[in-house]
Amino acid sequence: MEHRKGCTMNEAERDPDRTSDGTLDTRENPVPEPVSGTPEPDERKRAFDELNDQFLRLAADFENFRRRTFRERETVAALANERFAIDLLEVVDNFDRALMSDDSHLREGLEQIRQLLNAQLQRHGITPIESLNKPFNPVEHEAIAHVPSGEPEGTVIDEIARGYRMNEKVIRHAKVAVSKGN
């Protein structure tokens, strides 16, 4: 026991686990004293509010980004369609000129227009599917008739409507007649 002039320290003052009468404190959960490292309720609320504000701003920024990219995609698609339409209008103009010409040059004009149209389609990645005398392929062909013929069974013998691909994707199946064999 430490003595100071006019002051004595009892057992409880020396050992915080002891009560004032010197016995051991056996309470299950003594109330902890606030530690200087834990934030006060006001500080926790302020930190929560800051994080919530950051979250809301991030969510709003993401929504704005999503809307902006959607508008940009629509704009790109519209411009691509516009370019394609302009190319097709050139073909339409040539059809109009061919219809105004005399009959002697009509066939020649139509052949030139067809070549121009094919060139425009190819420039946009649209190519015809070659079908005649090839084996039937359900990925590229739609069989609308089975006809007996001298060709082997399953061979395309007639093309009713030409099929087309756009950048290796079939955008219209060829409507074909397929051989049944003899």
N, C-alpha and C. Protein backbone atom coordinates (compact mmCIF):
# COMPACT_ATOMS: atom_id res chain seq x y z
N MET A 1 0.83 -1.17 0.00
CA MET A 1 0.00 0.00 0.00
C MET A 1 0.88 1.23 0.00
N GLU A 2 0.54 2.11 -0.84
CA GLU A 2 1.35 3.31 -0.98
C GLU A 2 0.79 4.39 -0.07
N HIS A 3 1.67 5.05 0.62
CA HIS A 3 1.21 6.11 1.52
C HIS A 3 1.64 7.44 1.01
N ARG A 4 0.74 8.30 1.04
CA ARG A 4 1.04 9.70 0.75
C ARG A 4 0.56 10.50 1.93
N LYS A 5 1.07 11.62 2.02
CA LYS A 5 0.69 12.46 3.12
C LYS A 5 -0.77 12.80 3.00
N GLY A 6 -1.59 12.38 3.94
CA GLY A 6 -3.00 12.69 3.98
C GLY A 6 -3.82 11.88 3.00
N CYS A 7 -3.21 10.89 2.32
CA CYS A 7 -3.96 10.16 1.32
C CYS A 7 -3.58 8.69 1.39
N THR A 8 -4.57 7.83 1.43
CA THR A 8 -4.30 6.41 1.42
C THR A 8 -5.06 5.78 0.25
N MET A 9 -4.49 4.74 -0.33
CA MET A 9 -5.12 4.08 -1.45
C MET A 9 -5.63 2.74 -0.95
N ASN A 10 -6.93 2.49 -1.13
CA ASN A 10 -7.47 1.22 -0.68
C ASN A 10 -7.31 0.18 -1.76
N GLU A 11 -7.72 -1.06 -1.45
CA GLU A 11 -7.56 -2.21 -2.34
C GLU A 11 -8.30 -1.98 -3.66
N ALA A 12 -9.47 -1.41 -3.63
CA ALA A 12 -10.28 -1.19 -4.83
C ALA A 12 -9.63 -0.17 -5.75
N GLU A 13 -8.95 0.80 -5.21
CA GLU A 13 -8.32 1.80 -6.05
C GLU A 13 -7.12 1.22 -6.78
N ARG A 14 -6.43 0.27 -6.15
CA ARG A 14 -5.29 -0.34 -6.78
C ARG A 14 -5.69 -1.36 -7.85
N ASP A 15 -6.76 -2.12 -7.63
CA ASP A 15 -7.18 -3.19 -8.55
C ASP A 15 -8.61 -2.90 -8.99
N PRO A 16 -8.82 -2.52 -10.22
CA PRO A 16 -10.17 -2.18 -10.67
C PRO A 16 -11.10 -3.38 -10.69
N ASP A 17 -10.57 -4.62 -10.64
CA ASP A 17 -11.44 -5.80 -10.61
C ASP A 17 -11.96 -6.10 -9.21
N ARG A 18 -11.58 -5.32 -8.25
CA ARG A 18 -12.04 -5.54 -6.87
C ARG A 18 -13.05 -4.46 -6.49
N THR A 19 -13.99 -4.87 -5.65
CA THR A 19 -14.99 -3.92 -5.16
C THR A 19 -14.40 -3.11 -4.01
N SER A 20 -15.17 -2.18 -3.47
CA SER A 20 -14.67 -1.30 -2.42
C SER A 20 -14.35 -2.06 -1.13
N ASP A 21 -14.99 -3.21 -0.95
CA ASP A 21 -14.68 -3.97 0.26
C ASP A 21 -13.53 -4.94 0.05
N GLY A 22 -12.90 -4.93 -1.13
CA GLY A 22 -11.72 -5.74 -1.38
C GLY A 22 -12.00 -7.07 -2.04
N THR A 23 -13.26 -7.44 -2.25
CA THR A 23 -13.57 -8.71 -2.90
C THR A 23 -13.52 -8.54 -4.41
N LEU A 24 -13.37 -9.67 -5.09
CA LEU A 24 -13.28 -9.64 -6.55
C LEU A 24 -14.65 -9.33 -7.16
N ASP A 25 -14.68 -8.47 -8.18
CA ASP A 25 -15.93 -8.12 -8.88
C ASP A 25 -16.28 -9.28 -9.81
N THR A 26 -17.45 -9.90 -9.62
CA THR A 26 -17.83 -11.07 -10.42
C THR A 26 -18.98 -10.78 -11.37
N ARG A 27 -19.27 -9.56 -11.59
CA ARG A 27 -20.32 -9.25 -12.57
C ARG A 27 -19.90 -9.75 -13.94
N GLU A 28 -20.91 -10.28 -14.71
CA GLU A 28 -20.61 -10.90 -16.01
C GLU A 28 -20.07 -9.90 -17.01
N ASN A 29 -20.79 -8.87 -17.23
CA ASN A 29 -20.39 -7.90 -18.26
C ASN A 29 -20.29 -6.51 -17.65
N PRO A 30 -19.18 -6.20 -17.13
CA PRO A 30 -19.08 -4.84 -16.60
C PRO A 30 -19.18 -3.84 -17.76
N VAL A 31 -19.71 -2.69 -17.50
CA VAL A 31 -19.88 -1.67 -18.53
C VAL A 31 -18.51 -1.17 -18.96
N PRO A 32 -18.18 -1.35 -20.25
CA PRO A 32 -16.86 -0.89 -20.69
C PRO A 32 -16.82 0.62 -20.76
N GLU A 33 -15.67 1.11 -20.48
CA GLU A 33 -15.48 2.54 -20.58
C GLU A 33 -15.24 2.89 -22.03
N PRO A 34 -15.70 4.03 -22.51
CA PRO A 34 -15.49 4.38 -23.92
C PRO A 34 -14.00 4.44 -24.23
N VAL A 35 -13.65 3.81 -25.34
CA VAL A 35 -12.26 3.82 -25.79
C VAL A 35 -12.11 5.02 -26.70
N SER A 36 -11.01 5.65 -26.62
CA SER A 36 -10.82 6.88 -27.39
C SER A 36 -10.83 6.62 -28.90
N GLY A 37 -10.60 5.35 -29.39
CA GLY A 37 -10.56 5.04 -30.81
C GLY A 37 -11.93 4.84 -31.44
N THR A 38 -12.97 4.57 -30.67
CA THR A 38 -14.30 4.36 -31.26
C THR A 38 -14.98 5.69 -31.47
N PRO A 39 -15.61 5.85 -32.65
CA PRO A 39 -16.23 7.13 -32.94
C PRO A 39 -17.51 7.33 -32.13
N GLU A 40 -17.78 8.56 -31.87
CA GLU A 40 -19.01 8.93 -31.18
C GLU A 40 -20.18 8.73 -32.14
N PRO A 41 -21.41 8.63 -31.63
CA PRO A 41 -22.57 8.43 -32.51
C PRO A 41 -22.70 9.51 -33.59
N ASP A 42 -22.38 10.75 -33.27
CA ASP A 42 -22.47 11.83 -34.26
C ASP A 42 -21.45 11.61 -35.39
N GLU A 43 -20.25 11.16 -35.01
CA GLU A 43 -19.22 10.90 -36.02
C GLU A 43 -19.62 9.72 -36.90
N ARG A 44 -20.21 8.67 -36.31
CA ARG A 44 -20.65 7.52 -37.09
C ARG A 44 -21.75 7.92 -38.07
N LYS A 45 -22.69 8.74 -37.62
CA LYS A 45 -23.78 9.18 -38.49
C LYS A 45 -23.21 10.01 -39.64
N ARG A 46 -22.25 10.87 -39.32
CA ARG A 46 -21.64 11.70 -40.35
C ARG A 46 -20.90 10.82 -41.37
N ALA A 47 -20.17 9.79 -40.91
CA ALA A 47 -19.47 8.88 -41.82
C ALA A 47 -20.47 8.10 -42.66
N PHE A 48 -21.57 7.66 -42.04
CA PHE A 48 -22.61 6.95 -42.79
C PHE A 48 -23.21 7.85 -43.86
N ASP A 49 -23.50 9.09 -43.49
CA ASP A 49 -24.08 10.03 -44.45
C ASP A 49 -23.13 10.30 -45.61
N GLU A 50 -21.83 10.38 -45.33
CA GLU A 50 -20.85 10.60 -46.40
C GLU A 50 -20.81 9.40 -47.35
N LEU A 51 -20.78 8.19 -46.78
CA LEU A 51 -20.77 6.99 -47.62
C LEU A 51 -22.06 6.87 -48.43
N ASN A 52 -23.18 7.17 -47.81
CA ASN A 52 -24.46 7.12 -48.52
C ASN A 52 -24.48 8.14 -49.66
N ASP A 53 -23.96 9.32 -49.39
CA ASP A 53 -23.89 10.35 -50.43
C ASP A 53 -23.00 9.89 -51.59
N GLN A 54 -21.86 9.28 -51.29
CA GLN A 54 -20.98 8.75 -52.33
C GLN A 54 -21.69 7.67 -53.14
N PHE A 55 -22.41 6.79 -52.46
CA PHE A 55 -23.14 5.74 -53.15
C PHE A 55 -24.19 6.33 -54.09
N LEU A 56 -24.95 7.30 -53.60
CA LEU A 56 -25.99 7.91 -54.43
C LEU A 56 -25.39 8.61 -55.65
N ARG A 57 -24.28 9.28 -55.46
CA ARG A 57 -23.62 9.95 -56.58
C ARG A 57 -23.11 8.93 -57.61
N LEU A 58 -22.53 7.83 -57.10
CA LEU A 58 -22.04 6.79 -57.99
C LEU A 58 -23.19 6.15 -58.78
N ALA A 59 -24.30 5.89 -58.11
CA ALA A 59 -25.47 5.32 -58.78
C ALA A 59 -25.98 6.29 -59.85
N ALA A 60 -26.03 7.57 -59.54
CA ALA A 60 -26.49 8.56 -60.52
C ALA A 60 -25.52 8.66 -61.70
N ASP A 61 -24.21 8.63 -61.41
CA ASP A 61 -23.22 8.65 -62.49
C ASP A 61 -23.37 7.44 -63.40
N PHE A 62 -23.59 6.26 -62.82
CA PHE A 62 -23.76 5.06 -63.63
C PHE A 62 -25.02 5.16 -64.48
N GLU A 63 -26.10 5.65 -63.93
CA GLU A 63 -27.35 5.80 -64.69
C GLU A 63 -27.14 6.78 -65.86
N ASN A 64 -26.44 7.87 -65.60
CA ASN A 64 -26.14 8.83 -66.67
C ASN A 64 -25.28 8.20 -67.75
N PHE A 65 -24.28 7.40 -67.34
CA PHE A 65 -23.42 6.70 -68.30
C PHE A 65 -24.25 5.74 -69.15
N ARG A 66 -25.14 4.98 -68.50
CA ARG A 66 -25.98 4.02 -69.23
C ARG A 66 -26.84 4.73 -70.26
N ARG A 67 -27.47 5.83 -69.87
CA ARG A 67 -28.31 6.59 -70.80
C ARG A 67 -27.50 7.16 -71.95
N ARG A 68 -26.31 7.70 -71.63
CA ARG A 68 -25.47 8.30 -72.66
C ARG A 68 -25.02 7.24 -73.68
N THR A 69 -24.59 6.08 -73.21
CA THR A 69 -24.16 5.03 -74.15
C THR A 69 -25.33 4.52 -74.98
N PHE A 70 -26.52 4.45 -74.39
CA PHE A 70 -27.71 4.04 -75.15
C PHE A 70 -27.99 5.04 -76.27
N ARG A 71 -27.93 6.33 -75.95
CA ARG A 71 -28.16 7.37 -76.98
C ARG A 71 -27.08 7.31 -78.06
N GLU A 72 -25.82 7.07 -77.66
CA GLU A 72 -24.74 6.99 -78.64
C GLU A 72 -24.94 5.80 -79.58
N ARG A 73 -25.37 4.65 -79.03
CA ARG A 73 -25.63 3.49 -79.88
C ARG A 73 -26.76 3.78 -80.86
N GLU A 74 -27.81 4.44 -80.38
CA GLU A 74 -28.91 4.79 -81.28
C GLU A 74 -28.44 5.73 -82.38
N THR A 75 -27.59 6.67 -82.04
CA THR A 75 -27.06 7.62 -83.01
C THR A 75 -26.21 6.91 -84.06
N VAL A 76 -25.35 5.99 -83.61
CA VAL A 76 -24.50 5.25 -84.55
C VAL A 76 -25.37 4.42 -85.49
N ALA A 77 -26.38 3.75 -84.95
CA ALA A 77 -27.28 2.93 -85.79
C ALA A 77 -28.03 3.81 -86.79
N ALA A 78 -28.49 4.96 -86.33
CA ALA A 78 -29.21 5.87 -87.23
C ALA A 78 -28.30 6.36 -88.36
N LEU A 79 -27.05 6.69 -88.03
CA LEU A 79 -26.12 7.14 -89.06
C LEU A 79 -25.81 6.03 -90.06
N ALA A 80 -25.66 4.80 -89.57
CA ALA A 80 -25.40 3.68 -90.47
C ALA A 80 -26.60 3.47 -91.40
N ASN A 81 -27.80 3.53 -90.86
CA ASN A 81 -29.00 3.39 -91.69
C ASN A 81 -29.10 4.52 -92.70
N GLU A 82 -28.71 5.71 -92.29
CA GLU A 82 -28.77 6.86 -93.19
C GLU A 82 -27.81 6.68 -94.36
N ARG A 83 -26.59 6.22 -94.06
CA ARG A 83 -25.62 5.99 -95.15
C ARG A 83 -26.12 4.93 -96.12
N PHE A 84 -26.70 3.87 -95.57
CA PHE A 84 -27.23 2.80 -96.40
C PHE A 84 -28.37 3.33 -97.27
N ALA A 85 -29.25 4.14 -96.69
CA ALA A 85 -30.37 4.72 -97.45
C ALA A 85 -29.86 5.62 -98.57
N ILE A 86 -28.84 6.40 -98.30
CA ILE A 86 -28.29 7.28 -99.34
C ILE A 86 -27.75 6.45 -100.50
N ASP A 87 -27.07 5.35 -100.19
CA ASP A 87 -26.56 4.47 -101.24
C ASP A 87 -27.71 3.86 -102.06
N LEU A 88 -28.79 3.47 -101.40
CA LEU A 88 -29.93 2.89 -102.12
C LEU A 88 -30.67 3.93 -102.95
N LEU A 89 -30.67 5.18 -102.51
CA LEU A 89 -31.33 6.23 -103.28
C LEU A 89 -30.66 6.42 -104.64
N GLU A 90 -29.37 6.18 -104.68
CA GLU A 90 -28.66 6.25 -105.96
C GLU A 90 -29.21 5.19 -106.92
N VAL A 91 -29.51 4.01 -106.40
CA VAL A 91 -30.08 2.94 -107.20
C VAL A 91 -31.49 3.32 -107.66
N VAL A 92 -32.28 3.91 -106.75
CA VAL A 92 -33.63 4.34 -107.10
C VAL A 92 -33.59 5.39 -108.23
N ASP A 93 -32.65 6.32 -108.14
CA ASP A 93 -32.50 7.33 -109.20
C ASP A 93 -32.24 6.66 -110.55
N ASN A 94 -31.41 5.65 -110.55
CA ASN A 94 -31.10 4.95 -111.81
C ASN A 94 -32.31 4.18 -112.33
N PHE A 95 -33.13 3.63 -111.44
CA PHE A 95 -34.38 2.99 -111.88
C PHE A 95 -35.28 4.02 -112.55
N ASP A 96 -35.39 5.20 -111.96
CA ASP A 96 -36.22 6.26 -112.55
C ASP A 96 -35.72 6.63 -113.94
N ARG A 97 -34.41 6.77 -114.10
CA ARG A 97 -33.84 7.09 -115.41
C ARG A 97 -34.13 5.98 -116.42
N ALA A 98 -34.01 4.72 -115.96
CA ALA A 98 -34.25 3.59 -116.86
C ALA A 98 -35.70 3.57 -117.31
N LEU A 99 -36.63 3.90 -116.44
CA LEU A 99 -38.04 3.90 -116.80
C LEU A 99 -38.37 5.02 -117.78
N MET A 100 -37.61 6.09 -117.77
CA MET A 100 -37.85 7.20 -118.70
C MET A 100 -37.22 6.96 -120.07
N SER A 101 -36.31 6.00 -120.16
CA SER A 101 -35.63 5.77 -121.44
C SER A 101 -36.50 4.92 -122.36
N ASP A 102 -36.06 4.81 -123.60
CA ASP A 102 -36.81 3.98 -124.56
C ASP A 102 -36.56 2.50 -124.30
N ASP A 103 -37.40 1.65 -124.85
CA ASP A 103 -37.36 0.22 -124.59
C ASP A 103 -36.08 -0.45 -125.08
N SER A 104 -35.42 0.10 -126.06
CA SER A 104 -34.25 -0.56 -126.62
C SER A 104 -33.08 -0.60 -125.61
N HIS A 105 -33.00 0.35 -124.74
CA HIS A 105 -31.90 0.42 -123.77
C HIS A 105 -32.33 -0.01 -122.36
N LEU A 106 -33.58 -0.42 -122.23
CA LEU A 106 -34.11 -0.75 -120.90
C LEU A 106 -33.37 -1.93 -120.26
N ARG A 107 -33.19 -2.99 -121.02
CA ARG A 107 -32.51 -4.18 -120.45
C ARG A 107 -31.09 -3.84 -120.03
N GLU A 108 -30.38 -3.13 -120.85
CA GLU A 108 -29.00 -2.75 -120.52
C GLU A 108 -28.97 -1.88 -119.26
N GLY A 109 -29.89 -0.96 -119.16
CA GLY A 109 -29.97 -0.09 -117.98
C GLY A 109 -30.28 -0.88 -116.71
N LEU A 110 -31.21 -1.84 -116.83
CA LEU A 110 -31.56 -2.66 -115.66
C LEU A 110 -30.37 -3.52 -115.21
N GLU A 111 -29.60 -4.02 -116.14
CA GLU A 111 -28.41 -4.80 -115.78
C GLU A 111 -27.38 -3.93 -115.05
N GLN A 112 -27.21 -2.70 -115.51
CA GLN A 112 -26.29 -1.79 -114.86
C GLN A 112 -26.77 -1.44 -113.45
N ILE A 113 -28.09 -1.24 -113.32
CA ILE A 113 -28.65 -0.93 -112.00
C ILE A 113 -28.45 -2.10 -111.04
N ARG A 114 -28.67 -3.31 -111.55
CA ARG A 114 -28.46 -4.50 -110.71
C ARG A 114 -27.01 -4.58 -110.25
N GLN A 115 -26.06 -4.32 -111.13
CA GLN A 115 -24.64 -4.33 -110.74
C GLN A 115 -24.36 -3.26 -109.69
N LEU A 116 -24.93 -2.08 -109.87
CA LEU A 116 -24.75 -1.00 -108.90
C LEU A 116 -25.33 -1.39 -107.54
N LEU A 117 -26.51 -1.98 -107.56
CA LEU A 117 -27.15 -2.40 -106.30
C LEU A 117 -26.31 -3.47 -105.60
N ASN A 118 -25.84 -4.45 -106.36
CA ASN A 118 -24.99 -5.48 -105.76
C ASN A 118 -23.72 -4.88 -105.15
N ALA A 119 -23.13 -3.90 -105.84
CA ALA A 119 -21.92 -3.25 -105.32
C ALA A 119 -22.23 -2.51 -104.02
N GLN A 120 -23.39 -1.83 -103.96
CA GLN A 120 -23.77 -1.11 -102.74
C GLN A 120 -23.99 -2.08 -101.59
N LEU A 121 -24.66 -3.20 -101.88
CA LEU A 121 -24.91 -4.20 -100.84
C LEU A 121 -23.59 -4.78 -100.33
N GLN A 122 -22.69 -5.10 -101.23
CA GLN A 122 -21.40 -5.66 -100.81
C GLN A 122 -20.60 -4.67 -99.98
N ARG A 123 -20.69 -3.40 -100.31
CA ARG A 123 -20.00 -2.36 -99.54
C ARG A 123 -20.50 -2.33 -98.10
N HIS A 124 -21.75 -2.74 -97.90
CA HIS A 124 -22.33 -2.78 -96.56
C HIS A 124 -22.28 -4.18 -95.95
N GLY A 125 -21.50 -5.06 -96.55
CA GLY A 125 -21.31 -6.39 -95.99
C GLY A 125 -22.40 -7.39 -96.31
N ILE A 126 -23.27 -7.07 -97.28
CA ILE A 126 -24.38 -7.96 -97.64
C ILE A 126 -23.99 -8.70 -98.92
N THR A 127 -23.93 -10.04 -98.81
CA THR A 127 -23.54 -10.85 -99.96
C THR A 127 -24.58 -11.94 -100.18
N PRO A 128 -24.77 -12.33 -101.46
CA PRO A 128 -25.74 -13.40 -101.75
C PRO A 128 -25.19 -14.76 -101.36
N ILE A 129 -26.11 -15.67 -101.07
CA ILE A 129 -25.75 -17.06 -100.76
C ILE A 129 -25.88 -17.86 -102.05
N GLU A 130 -24.80 -18.51 -102.45
CA GLU A 130 -24.83 -19.36 -103.64
C GLU A 130 -25.48 -20.69 -103.26
N SER A 131 -26.54 -21.09 -103.97
CA SER A 131 -27.31 -22.28 -103.59
C SER A 131 -27.37 -23.35 -104.65
N LEU A 132 -27.47 -22.96 -105.91
CA LEU A 132 -27.71 -23.93 -106.98
C LEU A 132 -26.63 -25.01 -107.03
N ASN A 133 -27.11 -26.27 -107.19
CA ASN A 133 -26.25 -27.45 -107.31
C ASN A 133 -25.37 -27.69 -106.09
N LYS A 134 -25.77 -27.17 -104.95
CA LYS A 134 -25.06 -27.40 -103.70
C LYS A 134 -25.93 -28.26 -102.80
N PRO A 135 -25.34 -28.97 -101.84
CA PRO A 135 -26.15 -29.75 -100.91
C PRO A 135 -27.04 -28.84 -100.07
N PHE A 136 -28.25 -29.31 -99.77
CA PHE A 136 -29.17 -28.54 -98.95
C PHE A 136 -28.56 -28.33 -97.57
N ASN A 137 -28.57 -27.07 -97.09
CA ASN A 137 -28.03 -26.71 -95.79
C ASN A 137 -29.10 -25.92 -95.05
N PRO A 138 -29.71 -26.48 -94.00
CA PRO A 138 -30.79 -25.77 -93.31
C PRO A 138 -30.38 -24.45 -92.66
N VAL A 139 -29.07 -24.25 -92.49
CA VAL A 139 -28.60 -22.98 -91.93
C VAL A 139 -28.74 -21.86 -92.96
N GLU A 140 -28.61 -22.21 -94.26
CA GLU A 140 -28.67 -21.21 -95.32
C GLU A 140 -29.93 -21.29 -96.17
N HIS A 141 -30.57 -22.47 -96.21
CA HIS A 141 -31.67 -22.69 -97.15
C HIS A 141 -32.98 -22.98 -96.43
N GLU A 142 -34.05 -22.62 -97.11
CA GLU A 142 -35.40 -23.00 -96.69
C GLU A 142 -36.01 -23.76 -97.85
N ALA A 143 -36.27 -25.05 -97.64
CA ALA A 143 -36.83 -25.88 -98.71
C ALA A 143 -38.31 -25.62 -98.82
N ILE A 144 -38.76 -25.22 -100.00
CA ILE A 144 -40.19 -25.00 -100.20
C ILE A 144 -40.79 -26.04 -101.13
N ALA A 145 -39.91 -26.89 -101.72
CA ALA A 145 -40.40 -27.97 -102.59
C ALA A 145 -39.36 -29.08 -102.65
N HIS A 146 -39.88 -30.31 -102.74
CA HIS A 146 -39.04 -31.49 -103.00
C HIS A 146 -39.47 -32.04 -104.36
N VAL A 147 -38.54 -32.05 -105.28
CA VAL A 147 -38.87 -32.38 -106.67
C VAL A 147 -38.05 -33.58 -107.12
N PRO A 148 -38.69 -34.56 -107.80
CA PRO A 148 -37.90 -35.66 -108.36
C PRO A 148 -37.04 -35.12 -109.49
N SER A 149 -35.77 -35.56 -109.52
CA SER A 149 -34.87 -35.09 -110.58
C SER A 149 -33.72 -36.07 -110.72
N GLY A 150 -32.90 -35.82 -111.70
CA GLY A 150 -31.73 -36.65 -111.95
C GLY A 150 -30.58 -36.33 -111.00
N GLU A 151 -30.68 -35.27 -110.26
CA GLU A 151 -29.62 -34.88 -109.32
C GLU A 151 -29.69 -35.77 -108.07
N PRO A 152 -28.59 -35.91 -107.34
CA PRO A 152 -28.62 -36.71 -106.10
C PRO A 152 -29.59 -36.10 -105.09
N GLU A 153 -30.14 -36.96 -104.23
CA GLU A 153 -31.10 -36.51 -103.22
C GLU A 153 -30.43 -35.49 -102.29
N GLY A 154 -31.16 -34.41 -101.97
CA GLY A 154 -30.66 -33.38 -101.06
C GLY A 154 -29.90 -32.27 -101.75
N THR A 155 -29.86 -32.27 -103.09
CA THR A 155 -29.17 -31.22 -103.84
C THR A 155 -30.17 -30.13 -104.20
N VAL A 156 -29.75 -28.87 -104.07
CA VAL A 156 -30.59 -27.74 -104.45
C VAL A 156 -30.61 -27.67 -105.97
N ILE A 157 -31.84 -27.77 -106.55
CA ILE A 157 -31.94 -27.76 -108.02
C ILE A 157 -32.57 -26.48 -108.55
N ASP A 158 -33.20 -25.69 -107.68
CA ASP A 158 -33.79 -24.42 -108.14
C ASP A 158 -33.79 -23.43 -106.98
N GLU A 159 -33.54 -22.18 -107.33
CA GLU A 159 -33.54 -21.12 -106.33
C GLU A 159 -34.72 -20.19 -106.63
N ILE A 160 -35.72 -20.20 -105.77
CA ILE A 160 -36.91 -19.37 -105.98
C ILE A 160 -36.65 -17.94 -105.51
N ALA A 161 -36.01 -17.79 -104.35
CA ALA A 161 -35.63 -16.47 -103.83
C ALA A 161 -34.22 -16.59 -103.26
N ARG A 162 -33.36 -15.70 -103.67
CA ARG A 162 -31.96 -15.74 -103.24
C ARG A 162 -31.85 -15.39 -101.75
N GLY A 163 -30.94 -16.07 -101.07
CA GLY A 163 -30.65 -15.78 -99.67
C GLY A 163 -29.48 -14.82 -99.56
N TYR A 164 -29.37 -14.15 -98.40
CA TYR A 164 -28.30 -13.17 -98.21
C TYR A 164 -27.69 -13.29 -96.82
N ARG A 165 -26.40 -12.96 -96.76
CA ARG A 165 -25.65 -12.87 -95.51
C ARG A 165 -25.25 -11.42 -95.30
N MET A 166 -25.15 -11.07 -94.04
CA MET A 166 -24.59 -9.76 -93.70
C MET A 166 -23.47 -10.03 -92.71
N ASN A 167 -22.24 -9.81 -93.16
CA ASN A 167 -21.06 -10.06 -92.32
C ASN A 167 -21.08 -11.47 -91.73
N GLU A 168 -21.24 -12.45 -92.57
CA GLU A 168 -21.22 -13.88 -92.23
C GLU A 168 -22.46 -14.36 -91.47
N LYS A 169 -23.42 -13.50 -91.19
CA LYS A 169 -24.67 -13.92 -90.54
C LYS A 169 -25.76 -13.99 -91.60
N VAL A 170 -26.50 -15.09 -91.63
CA VAL A 170 -27.59 -15.24 -92.60
C VAL A 170 -28.72 -14.30 -92.18
N ILE A 171 -29.06 -13.35 -93.08
CA ILE A 171 -30.16 -12.44 -92.76
C ILE A 171 -31.44 -12.81 -93.51
N ARG A 172 -31.29 -13.61 -94.58
CA ARG A 172 -32.46 -14.17 -95.27
C ARG A 172 -32.06 -15.50 -95.88
N HIS A 173 -32.81 -16.52 -95.52
CA HIS A 173 -32.55 -17.85 -96.06
C HIS A 173 -32.98 -17.91 -97.53
N ALA A 174 -32.25 -18.67 -98.30
CA ALA A 174 -32.61 -18.87 -99.71
C ALA A 174 -33.79 -19.83 -99.77
N LYS A 175 -34.81 -19.46 -100.52
CA LYS A 175 -35.96 -20.34 -100.73
C LYS A 175 -35.64 -21.22 -101.94
N VAL A 176 -35.56 -22.54 -101.70
CA VAL A 176 -35.05 -23.43 -102.74
C VAL A 176 -35.95 -24.65 -102.93
N ALA A 177 -35.78 -25.26 -104.11
CA ALA A 177 -36.38 -26.56 -104.40
C ALA A 177 -35.25 -27.57 -104.29
N VAL A 178 -35.54 -28.69 -103.60
CA VAL A 178 -34.51 -29.70 -103.34
C VAL A 178 -34.88 -30.98 -104.06
N SER A 179 -33.86 -31.65 -104.58
CA SER A 179 -34.07 -32.89 -105.32
C SER A 179 -34.42 -34.05 -104.38
N LYS A 180 -35.42 -34.86 -104.83
CA LYS A 180 -35.77 -36.08 -104.11
C LYS A 180 -34.96 -37.26 -104.64
N GLY A 181 -34.28 -37.04 -105.72
CA GLY A 181 -33.60 -38.13 -106.41
C GLY A 181 -34.54 -38.66 -107.50
N ASN A 182 -34.26 -39.86 -108.05
CA ASN A 182 -35.11 -40.41 -109.12
C ASN A 182 -36.39 -40.96 -108.57
